[in-house]
Amino acid sequence: MQKNIGLFDRRGRVILGVVLALFFIREDAWRWVGLLSPVMFATAYISWCPIYRALGMRTTPKPKSRAK
């Protein structure tokens, strides 16, 4: 698994994960949205997103090619 999430994107996912977790403590119909917070935390932790992979996206710098 090659990393496809950069530092700025990881920080955004952690912040979004915290916001989504706050929905989980609500007592209304929006509570189910909080179930997405572990996904945000997990993708930020491993720096890899399957949706980015499927779309061919990456927010990491391109790897340097080794020239001999």
PDB file of N, CA and C in Angstrom:
ATOM      1  N   MET A   1       0.841  -1.174   0.000  1.00  0.00           N
ATOM      2  CA  MET A   1       0.000   0.000   0.000  1.00  0.00           C
ATOM      3  C   MET A   1       0.892   1.244   0.000  1.00  0.00           C
ATOM      4  N   GLN A   2       0.804   2.005  -1.048  1.00  0.00           N
ATOM      5  CA  GLN A   2       1.577   3.232  -1.133  1.00  0.00           C
ATOM      6  C   GLN A   2       0.723   4.381  -0.593  1.00  0.00           C
ATOM      7  N   LYS A   3       1.325   5.232   0.223  1.00  0.00           N
ATOM      8  CA  LYS A   3       0.592   6.336   0.822  1.00  0.00           C
ATOM      9  C   LYS A   3       0.066   7.273  -0.257  1.00  0.00           C
ATOM     10  N   ASN A   4      -1.181   7.722  -0.093  1.00  0.00           N
ATOM     11  CA  ASN A   4      -1.752   8.664  -1.048  1.00  0.00           C
ATOM     12  C   ASN A   4      -2.422   9.852  -0.354  1.00  0.00           C
ATOM     13  N   ILE A   5      -2.199   9.995   0.947  1.00  0.00           N
ATOM     14  CA  ILE A   5      -2.757  11.120   1.700  1.00  0.00           C
ATOM     15  C   ILE A   5      -1.598  11.910   2.300  1.00  0.00           C
ATOM     16  N   GLY A   6      -1.540  13.187   1.973  1.00  0.00           N
ATOM     17  CA  GLY A   6      -0.484  14.055   2.470  1.00  0.00           C
ATOM     18  C   GLY A   6      -0.773  14.596   3.862  1.00  0.00           C
ATOM     19  N   LEU A   7       0.182  15.349   4.391  1.00  0.00           N
ATOM     20  CA  LEU A   7       0.093  15.856   5.761  1.00  0.00           C
ATOM     21  C   LEU A   7      -1.108  16.787   5.952  1.00  0.00           C
ATOM     22  N   PHE A   8      -1.320  17.724   5.039  1.00  0.00           N
ATOM     23  CA  PHE A   8      -2.436  18.661   5.160  1.00  0.00           C
ATOM     24  C   PHE A   8      -3.769  17.907   5.123  1.00  0.00           C
ATOM     25  N   ASP A   9      -3.874  16.938   4.240  1.00  0.00           N
ATOM     26  CA  ASP A   9      -5.090  16.127   4.126  1.00  0.00           C
ATOM     27  C   ASP A   9      -5.310  15.304   5.386  1.00  0.00           C
ATOM     28  N   ARG A  10      -4.233  14.749   5.965  1.00  0.00           N
ATOM     29  CA  ARG A  10      -4.354  13.971   7.205  1.00  0.00           C
ATOM     30  C   ARG A  10      -4.887  14.829   8.338  1.00  0.00           C
ATOM     31  N   ARG A  11      -4.347  16.028   8.471  1.00  0.00           N
ATOM     32  CA  ARG A  11      -4.829  16.921   9.534  1.00  0.00           C
ATOM     33  C   ARG A  11      -6.302  17.266   9.345  1.00  0.00           C
ATOM     34  N   GLY A  12      -6.705  17.494   8.122  1.00  0.00           N
ATOM     35  CA  GLY A  12      -8.108  17.781   7.839  1.00  0.00           C
ATOM     36  C   GLY A  12      -9.012  16.617   8.182  1.00  0.00           C
ATOM     37  N   ARG A  13      -8.542  15.410   7.926  1.00  0.00           N
ATOM     38  CA  ARG A  13      -9.336  14.224   8.248  1.00  0.00           C
ATOM     39  C   ARG A  13      -9.487  14.034   9.754  1.00  0.00           C
ATOM     40  N   VAL A  14      -8.444  14.363  10.514  1.00  0.00           N
ATOM     41  CA  VAL A  14      -8.544  14.265  11.975  1.00  0.00           C
ATOM     42  C   VAL A  14      -9.559  15.278  12.493  1.00  0.00           C
ATOM     43  N   ILE A  15      -9.495  16.498  11.997  1.00  0.00           N
ATOM     44  CA  ILE A  15     -10.458  17.528  12.415  1.00  0.00           C
ATOM     45  C   ILE A  15     -11.871  17.110  12.031  1.00  0.00           C
ATOM     46  N   LEU A  16     -12.051  16.628  10.808  1.00  0.00           N
ATOM     47  CA  LEU A  16     -13.365  16.177  10.371  1.00  0.00           C
ATOM     48  C   LEU A  16     -13.835  14.985  11.212  1.00  0.00           C
ATOM     49  N   GLY A  17     -12.920  14.107  11.595  1.00  0.00           N
ATOM     50  CA  GLY A  17     -13.272  12.971  12.448  1.00  0.00           C
ATOM     51  C   GLY A  17     -13.790  13.414  13.798  1.00  0.00           C
ATOM     52  N   VAL A  18     -13.166  14.446  14.367  1.00  0.00           N
ATOM     53  CA  VAL A  18     -13.625  14.978  15.657  1.00  0.00           C
ATOM     54  C   VAL A  18     -15.025  15.575  15.508  1.00  0.00           C
ATOM     55  N   VAL A  19     -15.231  16.334  14.439  1.00  0.00           N
ATOM     56  CA  VAL A  19     -16.554  16.950  14.208  1.00  0.00           C
ATOM     57  C   VAL A  19     -17.614  15.867  14.025  1.00  0.00           C
ATOM     58  N   LEU A  20     -17.299  14.832  13.251  1.00  0.00           N
ATOM     59  CA  LEU A  20     -18.263  13.754  13.042  1.00  0.00           C
ATOM     60  C   LEU A  20     -18.533  12.984  14.329  1.00  0.00           C
ATOM     61  N   ALA A  21     -17.516  12.832  15.174  1.00  0.00           N
ATOM     62  CA  ALA A  21     -17.711  12.148  16.458  1.00  0.00           C
ATOM     63  C   ALA A  21     -18.688  12.917  17.339  1.00  0.00           C
ATOM     64  N   LEU A  22     -18.692  14.234  17.232  1.00  0.00           N
ATOM     65  CA  LEU A  22     -19.638  15.035  18.016  1.00  0.00           C
ATOM     66  C   LEU A  22     -21.079  14.774  17.603  1.00  0.00           C
ATOM     67  N   PHE A  23     -21.302  14.382  16.346  1.00  0.00           N
ATOM     68  CA  PHE A  23     -22.653  14.028  15.912  1.00  0.00           C
ATOM     69  C   PHE A  23     -23.131  12.756  16.608  1.00  0.00           C
ATOM     70  N   PHE A  24     -22.205  11.867  16.937  1.00  0.00           N
ATOM     71  CA  PHE A  24     -22.590  10.592  17.539  1.00  0.00           C
ATOM     72  C   PHE A  24     -23.189  10.762  18.930  1.00  0.00           C
ATOM     73  N   ILE A  25     -22.833  11.819  19.643  1.00  0.00           N
ATOM     74  CA  ILE A  25     -23.373  12.006  20.990  1.00  0.00           C
ATOM     75  C   ILE A  25     -24.730  12.703  20.981  1.00  0.00           C
ATOM     76  N   ARG A  26     -25.178  13.097  19.798  1.00  0.00           N
ATOM     77  CA  ARG A  26     -26.507  13.723  19.702  1.00  0.00           C
ATOM     78  C   ARG A  26     -27.591  12.667  19.873  1.00  0.00           C
ATOM     79  N   GLU A  27     -28.778  13.106  20.172  1.00  0.00           N
ATOM     80  CA  GLU A  27     -29.893  12.189  20.393  1.00  0.00           C
ATOM     81  C   GLU A  27     -30.967  12.305  19.309  1.00  0.00           C
ATOM     82  N   ASP A  28     -30.573  12.700  18.105  1.00  0.00           N
ATOM     83  CA  ASP A  28     -31.566  12.848  17.038  1.00  0.00           C
ATOM     84  C   ASP A  28     -31.178  11.993  15.829  1.00  0.00           C
ATOM     85  N   ALA A  29     -31.822  12.233  14.710  1.00  0.00           N
ATOM     86  CA  ALA A  29     -31.606  11.423  13.516  1.00  0.00           C
ATOM     87  C   ALA A  29     -30.215  11.589  12.912  1.00  0.00           C
ATOM     88  N   TRP A  30     -29.490  12.622  13.275  1.00  0.00           N
ATOM     89  CA  TRP A  30     -28.147  12.851  12.732  1.00  0.00           C
ATOM     90  C   TRP A  30     -27.087  11.994  13.422  1.00  0.00           C
ATOM     91  N   ARG A  31     -27.468  11.222  14.378  1.00  0.00           N
ATOM     92  CA  ARG A  31     -26.506  10.415  15.135  1.00  0.00           C
ATOM     93  C   ARG A  31     -25.713   9.451  14.255  1.00  0.00           C
ATOM     94  N   TRP A  32     -26.338   8.899  13.222  1.00  0.00           N
ATOM     95  CA  TRP A  32     -25.672   7.933  12.350  1.00  0.00           C
ATOM     96  C   TRP A  32     -24.475   8.531  11.626  1.00  0.00           C
ATOM     97  N   VAL A  33     -24.446   9.853  11.441  1.00  0.00           N
ATOM     98  CA  VAL A  33     -23.326  10.511  10.769  1.00  0.00           C
ATOM     99  C   VAL A  33     -22.047  10.311  11.581  1.00  0.00           C
ATOM    100  N   GLY A  34     -22.162  10.211  12.880  1.00  0.00           N
ATOM    101  CA  GLY A  34     -21.011  10.005  13.743  1.00  0.00           C
ATOM    102  C   GLY A  34     -20.301   8.681  13.511  1.00  0.00           C
ATOM    103  N   LEU A  35     -20.985   7.735  12.881  1.00  0.00           N
ATOM    104  CA  LEU A  35     -20.356   6.448  12.599  1.00  0.00           C
ATOM    105  C   LEU A  35     -19.271   6.558  11.531  1.00  0.00           C
ATOM    106  N   LEU A  36     -19.190   7.680  10.833  1.00  0.00           N
ATOM    107  CA  LEU A  36     -18.156   7.883   9.829  1.00  0.00           C
ATOM    108  C   LEU A  36     -16.833   8.360  10.432  1.00  0.00           C
ATOM    109  N   SER A  37     -16.852   8.771  11.679  1.00  0.00           N
ATOM    110  CA  SER A  37     -15.628   9.298  12.292  1.00  0.00           C
ATOM    111  C   SER A  37     -14.501   8.266  12.370  1.00  0.00           C
ATOM    112  N   PRO A  38     -14.749   6.991  12.684  1.00  0.00           N
ATOM    113  CA  PRO A  38     -13.626   6.038  12.690  1.00  0.00           C
ATOM    114  C   PRO A  38     -12.969   5.880  11.316  1.00  0.00           C
ATOM    115  N   VAL A  39     -13.746   6.040  10.264  1.00  0.00           N
ATOM    116  CA  VAL A  39     -13.183   5.960   8.911  1.00  0.00           C
ATOM    117  C   VAL A  39     -12.197   7.107   8.692  1.00  0.00           C
ATOM    118  N   MET A  40     -12.567   8.305   9.125  1.00  0.00           N
ATOM    119  CA  MET A  40     -11.677   9.458   8.974  1.00  0.00           C
ATOM    120  C   MET A  40     -10.401   9.275   9.784  1.00  0.00           C
ATOM    121  N   PHE A  41     -10.537   8.789  11.010  1.00  0.00           N
ATOM    122  CA  PHE A  41      -9.363   8.566  11.851  1.00  0.00           C
ATOM    123  C   PHE A  41      -8.463   7.474  11.264  1.00  0.00           C
ATOM    124  N   ALA A  42      -9.055   6.404  10.777  1.00  0.00           N
ATOM    125  CA  ALA A  42      -8.267   5.292  10.242  1.00  0.00           C
ATOM    126  C   ALA A  42      -7.509   5.700   8.985  1.00  0.00           C
ATOM    127  N   THR A  43      -8.171   6.396   8.066  1.00  0.00           N
ATOM    128  CA  THR A  43      -7.482   6.803   6.842  1.00  0.00           C
ATOM    129  C   THR A  43      -6.398   7.829   7.138  1.00  0.00           C
ATOM    130  N   ALA A  44      -6.603   8.668   8.133  1.00  0.00           N
ATOM    131  CA  ALA A  44      -5.557   9.628   8.518  1.00  0.00           C
ATOM    132  C   ALA A  44      -4.377   8.889   9.145  1.00  0.00           C
ATOM    133  N   TYR A  45      -4.634   7.867   9.931  1.00  0.00           N
ATOM    134  CA  TYR A  45      -3.576   7.133  10.611  1.00  0.00           C
ATOM    135  C   TYR A  45      -2.692   6.343   9.632  1.00  0.00           C
ATOM    136  N   ILE A  46      -3.323   5.676   8.670  1.00  0.00           N
ATOM    137  CA  ILE A  46      -2.546   4.858   7.741  1.00  0.00           C
ATOM    138  C   ILE A  46      -2.121   5.619   6.490  1.00  0.00           C
ATOM    139  N   SER A  47      -2.587   6.858   6.328  1.00  0.00           N
ATOM    140  CA  SER A  47      -2.225   7.713   5.185  1.00  0.00           C
ATOM    141  C   SER A  47      -2.593   7.089   3.841  1.00  0.00           C
ATOM    142  N   TRP A  48      -3.669   6.360   3.812  1.00  0.00           N
ATOM    143  CA  TRP A  48      -4.103   5.717   2.575  1.00  0.00           C
ATOM    144  C   TRP A  48      -5.618   5.727   2.500  1.00  0.00           C
ATOM    145  N   CYS A  49      -6.140   6.130   1.353  1.00  0.00           N
ATOM    146  CA  CYS A  49      -7.586   6.199   1.160  1.00  0.00           C
ATOM    147  C   CYS A  49      -7.964   5.361  -0.056  1.00  0.00           C
ATOM    148  N   PRO A  50      -8.854   4.378   0.109  1.00  0.00           N
ATOM    149  CA  PRO A  50      -9.237   3.541  -1.029  1.00  0.00           C
ATOM    150  C   PRO A  50      -9.991   4.321  -2.111  1.00  0.00           C
ATOM    151  N   ILE A  51     -10.702   5.348  -1.734  1.00  0.00           N
ATOM    152  CA  ILE A  51     -11.418   6.150  -2.735  1.00  0.00           C
ATOM    153  C   ILE A  51     -10.425   6.927  -3.590  1.00  0.00           C
ATOM    154  N   TYR A  52      -9.391   7.503  -2.950  1.00  0.00           N
ATOM    155  CA  TYR A  52      -8.336   8.171  -3.713  1.00  0.00           C
ATOM    156  C   TYR A  52      -7.683   7.180  -4.675  1.00  0.00           C
ATOM    157  N   ARG A  53      -7.438   5.971  -4.209  1.00  0.00           N
ATOM    158  CA  ARG A  53      -6.806   4.944  -5.041  1.00  0.00           C
ATOM    159  C   ARG A  53      -7.663   4.630  -6.260  1.00  0.00           C
ATOM    160  N   ALA A  54      -8.973   4.475  -6.052  1.00  0.00           N
ATOM    161  CA  ALA A  54      -9.879   4.155  -7.147  1.00  0.00           C
ATOM    162  C   ALA A  54      -9.947   5.288  -8.177  1.00  0.00           C
ATOM    163  N   LEU A  55      -9.833   6.527  -7.688  1.00  0.00           N
ATOM    164  CA  LEU A  55      -9.903   7.685  -8.593  1.00  0.00           C
ATOM    165  C   LEU A  55      -8.536   8.087  -9.128  1.00  0.00           C
ATOM    166  N   GLY A  56      -7.486   7.442  -8.677  1.00  0.00           N
ATOM    167  CA  GLY A  56      -6.140   7.779  -9.132  1.00  0.00           C
ATOM    168  C   GLY A  56      -5.629   9.092  -8.567  1.00  0.00           C
ATOM    169  N   MET A  57      -6.137   9.479  -7.408  1.00  0.00           N
ATOM    170  CA  MET A  57      -5.741  10.743  -6.783  1.00  0.00           C
ATOM    171  C   MET A  57      -4.666  10.492  -5.740  1.00  0.00           C
ATOM    172  N   ARG A  58      -3.921  11.562  -5.401  1.00  0.00           N
ATOM    173  CA  ARG A  58      -2.971  11.531  -4.304  1.00  0.00           C
ATOM    174  C   ARG A  58      -2.696  12.963  -3.877  1.00  0.00           C
ATOM    175  N   THR A  59      -2.506  13.148  -2.583  1.00  0.00           N
ATOM    176  CA  THR A  59      -2.166  14.475  -2.064  1.00  0.00           C
ATOM    177  C   THR A  59      -0.764  14.473  -1.482  1.00  0.00           C
ATOM    178  N   THR A  60      -0.036  13.391  -1.705  1.00  0.00           N
ATOM    179  CA  THR A  60       1.360  13.324  -1.281  1.00  0.00           C
ATOM    180  C   THR A  60       2.245  13.814  -2.417  1.00  0.00           C
ATOM    181  N   PRO A  61       3.449  14.261  -2.102  1.00  0.00           N
ATOM    182  CA  PRO A  61       4.364  14.621  -3.179  1.00  0.00           C
ATOM    183  C   PRO A  61       4.715  13.394  -4.011  1.00  0.00           C
ATOM    184  N   LYS A  62       5.005  13.614  -5.286  1.00  0.00           N
ATOM    185  CA  LYS A  62       5.375  12.497  -6.144  1.00  0.00           C
ATOM    186  C   LYS A  62       6.701  11.914  -5.689  1.00  0.00           C
ATOM    187  N   PRO A  63       6.815  10.595  -5.710  1.00  0.00           N
ATOM    188  CA  PRO A  63       8.078  10.001  -5.288  1.00  0.00           C
ATOM    189  C   PRO A  63       9.195  10.367  -6.260  1.00  0.00           C
ATOM    190  N   LYS A  64      10.376  10.592  -5.701  1.00  0.00           N
ATOM    191  CA  LYS A  64      11.514  10.956  -6.547  1.00  0.00           C
ATOM    192  C   LYS A  64      11.991   9.721  -7.293  1.00  0.00           C
ATOM    193  N   SER A  65      12.246   9.902  -8.575  1.00  0.00           N
ATOM    194  CA  SER A  65      12.750   8.769  -9.362  1.00  0.00           C
ATOM    195  C   SER A  65      14.242   8.633  -9.140  1.00  0.00           C
ATOM    196  N   ARG A  66      14.689   7.416  -9.092  1.00  0.00           N
ATOM    197  CA  ARG A  66      16.095   7.138  -8.876  1.00  0.00           C
ATOM    198  C   ARG A  66      16.795   7.035 -10.230  1.00  0.00           C
ATOM    199  N   ALA A  67      17.633   7.988 -10.515  1.00  0.00           N
ATOM    200  CA  ALA A  67      18.388   7.960 -11.764  1.00  0.00           C
ATOM    201  C   ALA A  67      19.796   7.447 -11.487  1.00  0.00           C
ATOM    202  N   LYS A  68      20.239   6.532 -12.309  1.00  0.00           N
ATOM    203  CA  LYS A  68      21.583   5.974 -12.134  1.00  0.00           C
ATOM    204  C   LYS A  68      22.531   6.539 -13.148  1.00  0.00           C
TER     205      LYS A  68
END
